[in-house]
Amino acid sequence: GISSAERAHGPAVQHDISVPPARMPDFIDQASATLEDRFEGTRAVAFGHLGDGNVHFHLRAPAGATGGEWEEHEGKAISAAVHDLVTQWGGSISAEHGIGQMKRAELARLSSPARIAALRAIKTAFDPQGLFNPGRLAEVA
């Protein structure tokens, strides 16, 4: 019910991230404080999967923010800040949902060319004919 309750309170920029499980409590405390300070009036909400290192980490909009507008205006900066913190903490910008199309640019921004090459090699090994999500990883810089 957390997702439903959160939606009732207004817009949020949502992230499905992971950090090492032993670091999860400190990450949530410190990242929440950092982001709430940087993006005035926001509130961090973290829930789900904490024991295995995955967490839904959302930054709720300030009171009175208009849904759609606020995410469009603040969303990219918030997501970049969250992803930067996750990377600094030794985590991943994706958890159980994978990179998907929305995080391709962030994957390219935060990954070395060697990592992207390794990801392409793994995909080719499992999907040599390129049938699954054709062209998606090829579009990452």
N, C-alpha and C. Protein backbone atom coordinates (compact mmCIF):
# COMPACT_ATOMS: atom_id res chain seq x y z
N GLY A 1 0.78 -1.20 0.00
CA GLY A 1 0.00 0.00 0.00
C GLY A 1 0.83 1.28 0.00
N ILE A 2 2.15 1.16 0.11
CA ILE A 2 2.97 2.38 0.17
C ILE A 2 2.85 3.17 -1.12
N SER A 3 2.90 2.49 -2.26
CA SER A 3 2.81 3.20 -3.55
C SER A 3 1.49 3.95 -3.67
N SER A 4 0.39 3.33 -3.30
CA SER A 4 -0.92 3.99 -3.38
C SER A 4 -0.98 5.18 -2.44
N ALA A 5 -0.49 5.01 -1.23
CA ALA A 5 -0.50 6.11 -0.26
C ALA A 5 0.37 7.26 -0.76
N GLU A 6 1.50 6.93 -1.33
CA GLU A 6 2.38 7.97 -1.83
C GLU A 6 1.71 8.76 -2.96
N ARG A 7 1.07 8.06 -3.89
CA ARG A 7 0.38 8.75 -5.00
C ARG A 7 -0.69 9.70 -4.48
N ALA A 8 -1.34 9.33 -3.40
CA ALA A 8 -2.38 10.19 -2.83
C ALA A 8 -1.82 11.49 -2.29
N HIS A 9 -0.54 11.52 -1.99
CA HIS A 9 0.11 12.72 -1.45
C HIS A 9 0.68 13.62 -2.52
N GLY A 10 0.64 13.20 -3.78
CA GLY A 10 1.14 14.05 -4.85
C GLY A 10 2.27 13.42 -5.64
N PRO A 11 2.86 14.22 -6.52
CA PRO A 11 3.87 13.69 -7.44
C PRO A 11 5.18 13.31 -6.74
N ALA A 12 5.92 12.42 -7.41
CA ALA A 12 7.23 12.01 -6.92
C ALA A 12 8.08 11.58 -8.11
N VAL A 13 9.38 11.75 -7.99
CA VAL A 13 10.31 11.20 -8.96
C VAL A 13 10.77 9.87 -8.37
N GLN A 14 10.54 8.79 -9.12
CA GLN A 14 10.73 7.44 -8.60
C GLN A 14 11.99 6.78 -9.16
N HIS A 15 12.65 6.02 -8.29
CA HIS A 15 13.88 5.31 -8.67
C HIS A 15 13.84 3.90 -8.12
N ASP A 16 14.31 2.98 -8.91
CA ASP A 16 14.45 1.57 -8.54
C ASP A 16 15.94 1.29 -8.55
N ILE A 17 16.56 1.35 -7.39
CA ILE A 17 18.02 1.33 -7.30
C ILE A 17 18.49 0.21 -6.38
N SER A 18 19.80 0.02 -6.33
CA SER A 18 20.36 -0.94 -5.39
C SER A 18 21.69 -0.41 -4.85
N VAL A 19 21.95 -0.77 -3.62
CA VAL A 19 23.25 -0.54 -2.98
C VAL A 19 23.56 -1.80 -2.17
N PRO A 20 24.82 -2.01 -1.81
CA PRO A 20 25.13 -3.19 -1.01
C PRO A 20 24.26 -3.23 0.26
N PRO A 21 23.68 -4.39 0.57
CA PRO A 21 22.76 -4.47 1.72
C PRO A 21 23.33 -3.93 3.03
N ALA A 22 24.61 -4.18 3.29
CA ALA A 22 25.21 -3.71 4.54
C ALA A 22 25.25 -2.18 4.61
N ARG A 23 25.21 -1.53 3.46
CA ARG A 23 25.30 -0.06 3.41
C ARG A 23 23.92 0.60 3.31
N MET A 24 22.87 -0.20 3.14
CA MET A 24 21.53 0.33 2.89
C MET A 24 21.05 1.33 3.95
N PRO A 25 21.13 1.01 5.26
CA PRO A 25 20.62 1.99 6.24
C PRO A 25 21.33 3.33 6.16
N ASP A 26 22.65 3.31 6.05
CA ASP A 26 23.41 4.57 5.98
C ASP A 26 23.11 5.30 4.68
N PHE A 27 22.99 4.55 3.57
CA PHE A 27 22.67 5.19 2.30
C PHE A 27 21.33 5.92 2.40
N ILE A 28 20.31 5.24 2.90
CA ILE A 28 18.98 5.86 2.98
C ILE A 28 19.04 7.12 3.85
N ASP A 29 19.67 7.04 5.00
CA ASP A 29 19.76 8.22 5.89
C ASP A 29 20.50 9.37 5.21
N GLN A 30 21.68 9.09 4.68
CA GLN A 30 22.51 10.16 4.14
C GLN A 30 22.00 10.68 2.80
N ALA A 31 21.58 9.78 1.91
CA ALA A 31 21.06 10.23 0.61
C ALA A 31 19.77 11.03 0.80
N SER A 32 18.92 10.58 1.71
CA SER A 32 17.67 11.32 1.96
C SER A 32 17.97 12.74 2.42
N ALA A 33 18.87 12.88 3.38
CA ALA A 33 19.21 14.21 3.88
C ALA A 33 19.84 15.07 2.80
N THR A 34 20.74 14.50 2.03
CA THR A 34 21.42 15.24 0.96
C THR A 34 20.42 15.75 -0.07
N LEU A 35 19.54 14.88 -0.51
CA LEU A 35 18.59 15.25 -1.56
C LEU A 35 17.53 16.21 -1.05
N GLU A 36 17.05 15.99 0.16
CA GLU A 36 16.04 16.90 0.73
C GLU A 36 16.63 18.30 0.92
N ASP A 37 17.90 18.39 1.25
CA ASP A 37 18.56 19.70 1.36
C ASP A 37 18.73 20.35 0.00
N ARG A 38 19.12 19.55 -0.98
CA ARG A 38 19.39 20.09 -2.32
C ARG A 38 18.11 20.52 -3.05
N PHE A 39 17.04 19.75 -2.89
CA PHE A 39 15.78 20.03 -3.57
C PHE A 39 14.74 20.42 -2.53
N GLU A 40 14.69 21.71 -2.26
CA GLU A 40 13.90 22.26 -1.17
C GLU A 40 12.44 21.81 -1.21
N GLY A 41 11.96 21.42 -0.04
CA GLY A 41 10.56 21.05 0.11
C GLY A 41 10.24 19.60 -0.25
N THR A 42 11.25 18.86 -0.74
CA THR A 42 11.01 17.47 -1.10
C THR A 42 11.13 16.58 0.12
N ARG A 43 10.64 15.35 -0.03
CA ARG A 43 10.76 14.35 1.03
C ARG A 43 11.11 13.02 0.41
N ALA A 44 12.17 12.40 0.89
CA ALA A 44 12.59 11.09 0.39
C ALA A 44 11.75 10.00 1.04
N VAL A 45 11.40 9.02 0.23
CA VAL A 45 10.67 7.84 0.71
C VAL A 45 11.41 6.62 0.16
N ALA A 46 11.80 5.71 1.04
CA ALA A 46 12.50 4.50 0.62
C ALA A 46 11.75 3.29 1.17
N PHE A 47 11.49 2.31 0.29
CA PHE A 47 10.76 1.13 0.75
C PHE A 47 11.00 -0.05 -0.18
N GLY A 48 10.77 -1.23 0.35
CA GLY A 48 10.77 -2.46 -0.43
C GLY A 48 12.14 -3.06 -0.66
N HIS A 49 12.24 -4.36 -0.54
CA HIS A 49 13.41 -5.15 -0.94
C HIS A 49 14.71 -4.80 -0.21
N LEU A 50 14.63 -4.12 0.90
CA LEU A 50 15.84 -3.61 1.55
C LEU A 50 16.84 -4.71 1.90
N GLY A 51 16.36 -5.86 2.27
CA GLY A 51 17.24 -6.94 2.69
C GLY A 51 18.14 -7.48 1.59
N ASP A 52 17.73 -7.32 0.33
CA ASP A 52 18.57 -7.82 -0.76
C ASP A 52 19.28 -6.70 -1.50
N GLY A 53 19.23 -5.50 -0.95
CA GLY A 53 19.98 -4.39 -1.52
C GLY A 53 19.23 -3.56 -2.54
N ASN A 54 17.99 -3.91 -2.82
CA ASN A 54 17.18 -3.12 -3.75
C ASN A 54 16.24 -2.23 -2.96
N VAL A 55 15.98 -1.07 -3.50
CA VAL A 55 15.07 -0.15 -2.80
C VAL A 55 14.36 0.73 -3.81
N HIS A 56 13.10 0.97 -3.54
CA HIS A 56 12.36 1.99 -4.29
C HIS A 56 12.66 3.28 -3.55
N PHE A 57 13.37 4.17 -4.20
CA PHE A 57 13.81 5.42 -3.58
C PHE A 57 13.16 6.56 -4.35
N HIS A 58 12.19 7.18 -3.72
CA HIS A 58 11.41 8.24 -4.38
C HIS A 58 11.66 9.57 -3.69
N LEU A 59 11.60 10.61 -4.45
CA LEU A 59 11.66 11.96 -3.89
C LEU A 59 10.33 12.63 -4.18
N ARG A 60 9.57 12.83 -3.11
CA ARG A 60 8.24 13.43 -3.24
C ARG A 60 8.35 14.93 -3.44
N ALA A 61 7.42 15.45 -4.21
CA ALA A 61 7.41 16.87 -4.56
C ALA A 61 7.05 17.73 -3.34
N PRO A 62 7.45 18.98 -3.38
CA PRO A 62 7.04 19.91 -2.33
C PRO A 62 5.52 20.08 -2.35
N ALA A 63 4.97 20.48 -1.23
CA ALA A 63 3.53 20.73 -1.14
C ALA A 63 3.11 21.73 -2.21
N GLY A 64 2.01 21.46 -2.85
CA GLY A 64 1.47 22.36 -3.86
C GLY A 64 2.02 22.18 -5.26
N ALA A 65 2.98 21.28 -5.43
CA ALA A 65 3.55 21.05 -6.76
C ALA A 65 2.49 20.41 -7.67
N THR A 66 2.54 20.76 -8.94
CA THR A 66 1.61 20.23 -9.91
C THR A 66 2.20 18.99 -10.56
N GLY A 67 1.46 17.87 -10.45
CA GLY A 67 1.90 16.62 -11.04
C GLY A 67 2.12 16.78 -12.53
N GLY A 68 3.14 16.15 -13.05
CA GLY A 68 3.50 16.26 -14.45
C GLY A 68 4.47 17.40 -14.67
N GLU A 69 4.07 18.58 -14.29
CA GLU A 69 4.93 19.77 -14.42
C GLU A 69 6.18 19.64 -13.56
N TRP A 70 5.96 19.30 -12.29
CA TRP A 70 7.08 19.22 -11.36
C TRP A 70 8.07 18.15 -11.80
N GLU A 71 7.58 16.96 -12.15
CA GLU A 71 8.48 15.89 -12.58
C GLU A 71 9.24 16.30 -13.84
N GLU A 72 8.54 16.94 -14.76
CA GLU A 72 9.19 17.37 -16.01
C GLU A 72 10.27 18.41 -15.74
N HIS A 73 9.98 19.34 -14.84
CA HIS A 73 10.92 20.42 -14.54
C HIS A 73 12.09 19.96 -13.69
N GLU A 74 11.82 19.21 -12.63
CA GLU A 74 12.86 18.82 -11.67
C GLU A 74 13.39 17.40 -11.88
N GLY A 75 12.65 16.57 -12.60
CA GLY A 75 12.93 15.14 -12.66
C GLY A 75 14.33 14.74 -13.08
N LYS A 76 14.84 15.31 -14.16
CA LYS A 76 16.16 14.90 -14.66
C LYS A 76 17.26 15.26 -13.66
N ALA A 77 17.18 16.43 -13.07
CA ALA A 77 18.20 16.84 -12.09
C ALA A 77 18.14 15.96 -10.85
N ILE A 78 16.92 15.63 -10.41
CA ILE A 78 16.77 14.77 -9.24
C ILE A 78 17.30 13.38 -9.54
N SER A 79 16.92 12.83 -10.68
CA SER A 79 17.38 11.48 -11.03
C SER A 79 18.90 11.44 -11.17
N ALA A 80 19.48 12.44 -11.79
CA ALA A 80 20.95 12.47 -11.92
C ALA A 80 21.59 12.52 -10.54
N ALA A 81 21.04 13.31 -9.63
CA ALA A 81 21.59 13.40 -8.27
C ALA A 81 21.47 12.06 -7.53
N VAL A 82 20.31 11.41 -7.66
CA VAL A 82 20.12 10.09 -7.03
C VAL A 82 21.11 9.10 -7.61
N HIS A 83 21.22 9.06 -8.94
CA HIS A 83 22.11 8.10 -9.59
C HIS A 83 23.57 8.36 -9.24
N ASP A 84 23.95 9.62 -9.12
CA ASP A 84 25.32 9.94 -8.72
C ASP A 84 25.61 9.39 -7.31
N LEU A 85 24.66 9.59 -6.39
CA LEU A 85 24.84 9.09 -5.02
C LEU A 85 24.91 7.56 -5.00
N VAL A 86 24.02 6.93 -5.74
CA VAL A 86 24.01 5.46 -5.80
C VAL A 86 25.36 4.95 -6.30
N THR A 87 25.88 5.57 -7.33
CA THR A 87 27.17 5.16 -7.89
C THR A 87 28.29 5.37 -6.86
N GLN A 88 28.26 6.49 -6.16
CA GLN A 88 29.27 6.77 -5.14
C GLN A 88 29.23 5.73 -4.01
N TRP A 89 28.06 5.18 -3.74
CA TRP A 89 27.89 4.20 -2.67
C TRP A 89 28.11 2.77 -3.16
N GLY A 90 28.58 2.60 -4.38
CA GLY A 90 28.88 1.27 -4.90
C GLY A 90 27.66 0.50 -5.34
N GLY A 91 26.60 1.22 -5.70
CA GLY A 91 25.35 0.58 -6.10
C GLY A 91 25.10 0.63 -7.59
N SER A 92 23.86 0.36 -7.94
CA SER A 92 23.44 0.33 -9.34
C SER A 92 22.19 1.19 -9.51
N ILE A 93 22.10 1.86 -10.65
CA ILE A 93 20.93 2.71 -10.92
C ILE A 93 19.70 1.89 -11.29
N SER A 94 19.85 0.58 -11.34
CA SER A 94 18.69 -0.28 -11.60
C SER A 94 18.71 -1.44 -10.61
N ALA A 95 17.53 -1.89 -10.28
CA ALA A 95 17.42 -3.06 -9.42
C ALA A 95 16.66 -4.12 -10.20
N GLU A 96 15.54 -4.57 -9.68
CA GLU A 96 14.88 -5.71 -10.31
C GLU A 96 14.21 -5.38 -11.63
N HIS A 97 14.07 -4.13 -11.99
CA HIS A 97 13.41 -3.77 -13.24
C HIS A 97 14.38 -3.52 -14.40
N GLY A 98 15.66 -3.51 -14.16
CA GLY A 98 16.63 -3.32 -15.23
C GLY A 98 16.76 -1.87 -15.66
N ILE A 99 17.55 -1.65 -16.70
CA ILE A 99 17.81 -0.30 -17.19
C ILE A 99 16.61 0.25 -17.95
N GLY A 100 16.07 -0.51 -18.87
CA GLY A 100 14.94 -0.01 -19.64
C GLY A 100 15.34 1.14 -20.55
N GLN A 101 14.38 1.70 -21.22
CA GLN A 101 14.66 2.79 -22.16
C GLN A 101 14.92 4.11 -21.46
N MET A 102 14.29 4.32 -20.30
CA MET A 102 14.41 5.61 -19.63
C MET A 102 15.79 5.85 -19.01
N LYS A 103 16.53 4.80 -18.71
CA LYS A 103 17.82 4.97 -18.03
C LYS A 103 19.01 4.78 -18.95
N ARG A 104 18.78 4.66 -20.25
CA ARG A 104 19.91 4.42 -21.17
C ARG A 104 20.93 5.54 -21.12
N ALA A 105 20.48 6.77 -21.14
CA ALA A 105 21.43 7.90 -21.12
C ALA A 105 22.21 7.92 -19.80
N GLU A 106 21.54 7.60 -18.71
CA GLU A 106 22.23 7.57 -17.41
C GLU A 106 23.25 6.42 -17.37
N LEU A 107 22.91 5.29 -17.94
CA LEU A 107 23.86 4.18 -18.01
C LEU A 107 25.11 4.62 -18.76
N ALA A 108 24.92 5.28 -19.88
CA ALA A 108 26.05 5.75 -20.67
C ALA A 108 26.86 6.80 -19.90
N ARG A 109 26.17 7.69 -19.19
CA ARG A 109 26.85 8.76 -18.44
C ARG A 109 27.69 8.20 -17.30
N LEU A 110 27.20 7.16 -16.65
CA LEU A 110 27.83 6.66 -15.44
C LEU A 110 28.75 5.46 -15.66
N SER A 111 28.79 4.93 -16.87
CA SER A 111 29.56 3.71 -17.13
C SER A 111 30.76 3.99 -18.02
N SER A 112 31.78 3.19 -17.81
CA SER A 112 32.96 3.29 -18.66
C SER A 112 32.67 2.60 -20.00
N PRO A 113 33.42 2.96 -21.04
CA PRO A 113 33.28 2.25 -22.32
C PRO A 113 33.50 0.74 -22.17
N ALA A 114 34.40 0.34 -21.27
CA ALA A 114 34.66 -1.08 -21.06
C ALA A 114 33.43 -1.79 -20.49
N ARG A 115 32.74 -1.13 -19.59
CA ARG A 115 31.53 -1.73 -19.01
C ARG A 115 30.44 -1.88 -20.07
N ILE A 116 30.26 -0.85 -20.89
CA ILE A 116 29.26 -0.92 -21.96
C ILE A 116 29.61 -2.05 -22.93
N ALA A 117 30.89 -2.19 -23.25
CA ALA A 117 31.32 -3.27 -24.15
C ALA A 117 31.04 -4.63 -23.52
N ALA A 118 31.28 -4.77 -22.22
CA ALA A 118 31.00 -6.03 -21.53
C ALA A 118 29.50 -6.34 -21.55
N LEU A 119 28.67 -5.33 -21.33
CA LEU A 119 27.22 -5.53 -21.38
C LEU A 119 26.77 -5.98 -22.76
N ARG A 120 27.34 -5.36 -23.79
CA ARG A 120 27.00 -5.76 -25.16
C ARG A 120 27.43 -7.20 -25.43
N ALA A 121 28.60 -7.58 -24.93
CA ALA A 121 29.09 -8.95 -25.15
C ALA A 121 28.19 -9.97 -24.45
N ILE A 122 27.75 -9.65 -23.24
CA ILE A 122 26.84 -10.55 -22.51
C ILE A 122 25.52 -10.67 -23.25
N LYS A 123 24.98 -9.55 -23.71
CA LYS A 123 23.72 -9.60 -24.44
C LYS A 123 23.87 -10.44 -25.71
N THR A 124 24.96 -10.26 -26.41
CA THR A 124 25.20 -11.04 -27.64
C THR A 124 25.32 -12.53 -27.34
N ALA A 125 25.95 -12.86 -26.23
CA ALA A 125 26.09 -14.27 -25.86
C ALA A 125 24.74 -14.93 -25.60
N PHE A 126 23.82 -14.20 -24.98
CA PHE A 126 22.50 -14.75 -24.66
C PHE A 126 21.48 -14.54 -25.77
N ASP A 127 21.75 -13.59 -26.66
CA ASP A 127 20.80 -13.24 -27.72
C ASP A 127 21.56 -12.97 -29.01
N PRO A 128 22.21 -13.99 -29.57
CA PRO A 128 23.08 -13.77 -30.73
C PRO A 128 22.35 -13.23 -31.96
N GLN A 129 21.06 -13.47 -32.07
CA GLN A 129 20.31 -12.97 -33.23
C GLN A 129 19.67 -11.61 -32.97
N GLY A 130 19.84 -11.08 -31.77
CA GLY A 130 19.30 -9.76 -31.44
C GLY A 130 17.79 -9.70 -31.46
N LEU A 131 17.15 -10.75 -30.98
CA LEU A 131 15.68 -10.82 -31.01
C LEU A 131 15.02 -10.14 -29.81
N PHE A 132 15.71 -10.09 -28.69
CA PHE A 132 15.13 -9.55 -27.47
C PHE A 132 15.49 -8.07 -27.33
N ASN A 133 14.48 -7.22 -27.31
CA ASN A 133 14.69 -5.77 -27.25
C ASN A 133 15.72 -5.32 -28.28
N PRO A 134 15.46 -5.57 -29.56
CA PRO A 134 16.45 -5.24 -30.59
C PRO A 134 16.83 -3.75 -30.58
N GLY A 135 18.14 -3.53 -30.66
CA GLY A 135 18.65 -2.17 -30.77
C GLY A 135 18.76 -1.39 -29.50
N ARG A 136 18.23 -1.88 -28.39
CA ARG A 136 18.22 -1.07 -27.16
C ARG A 136 19.61 -0.81 -26.62
N LEU A 137 20.40 -1.85 -26.42
CA LEU A 137 21.74 -1.64 -25.88
C LEU A 137 22.64 -0.98 -26.91
N ALA A 138 22.38 -1.23 -28.19
CA ALA A 138 23.18 -0.60 -29.24
C ALA A 138 23.01 0.92 -29.20
N GLU A 139 21.89 1.39 -28.68
CA GLU A 139 21.62 2.83 -28.64
C GLU A 139 22.31 3.51 -27.46
N VAL A 140 22.88 2.74 -26.54
CA VAL A 140 23.63 3.33 -25.44
C VAL A 140 24.97 3.77 -26.00
N ALA A 141 25.36 4.98 -25.68
CA ALA A 141 26.59 5.58 -26.23
C ALA A 141 27.78 4.69 -26.13
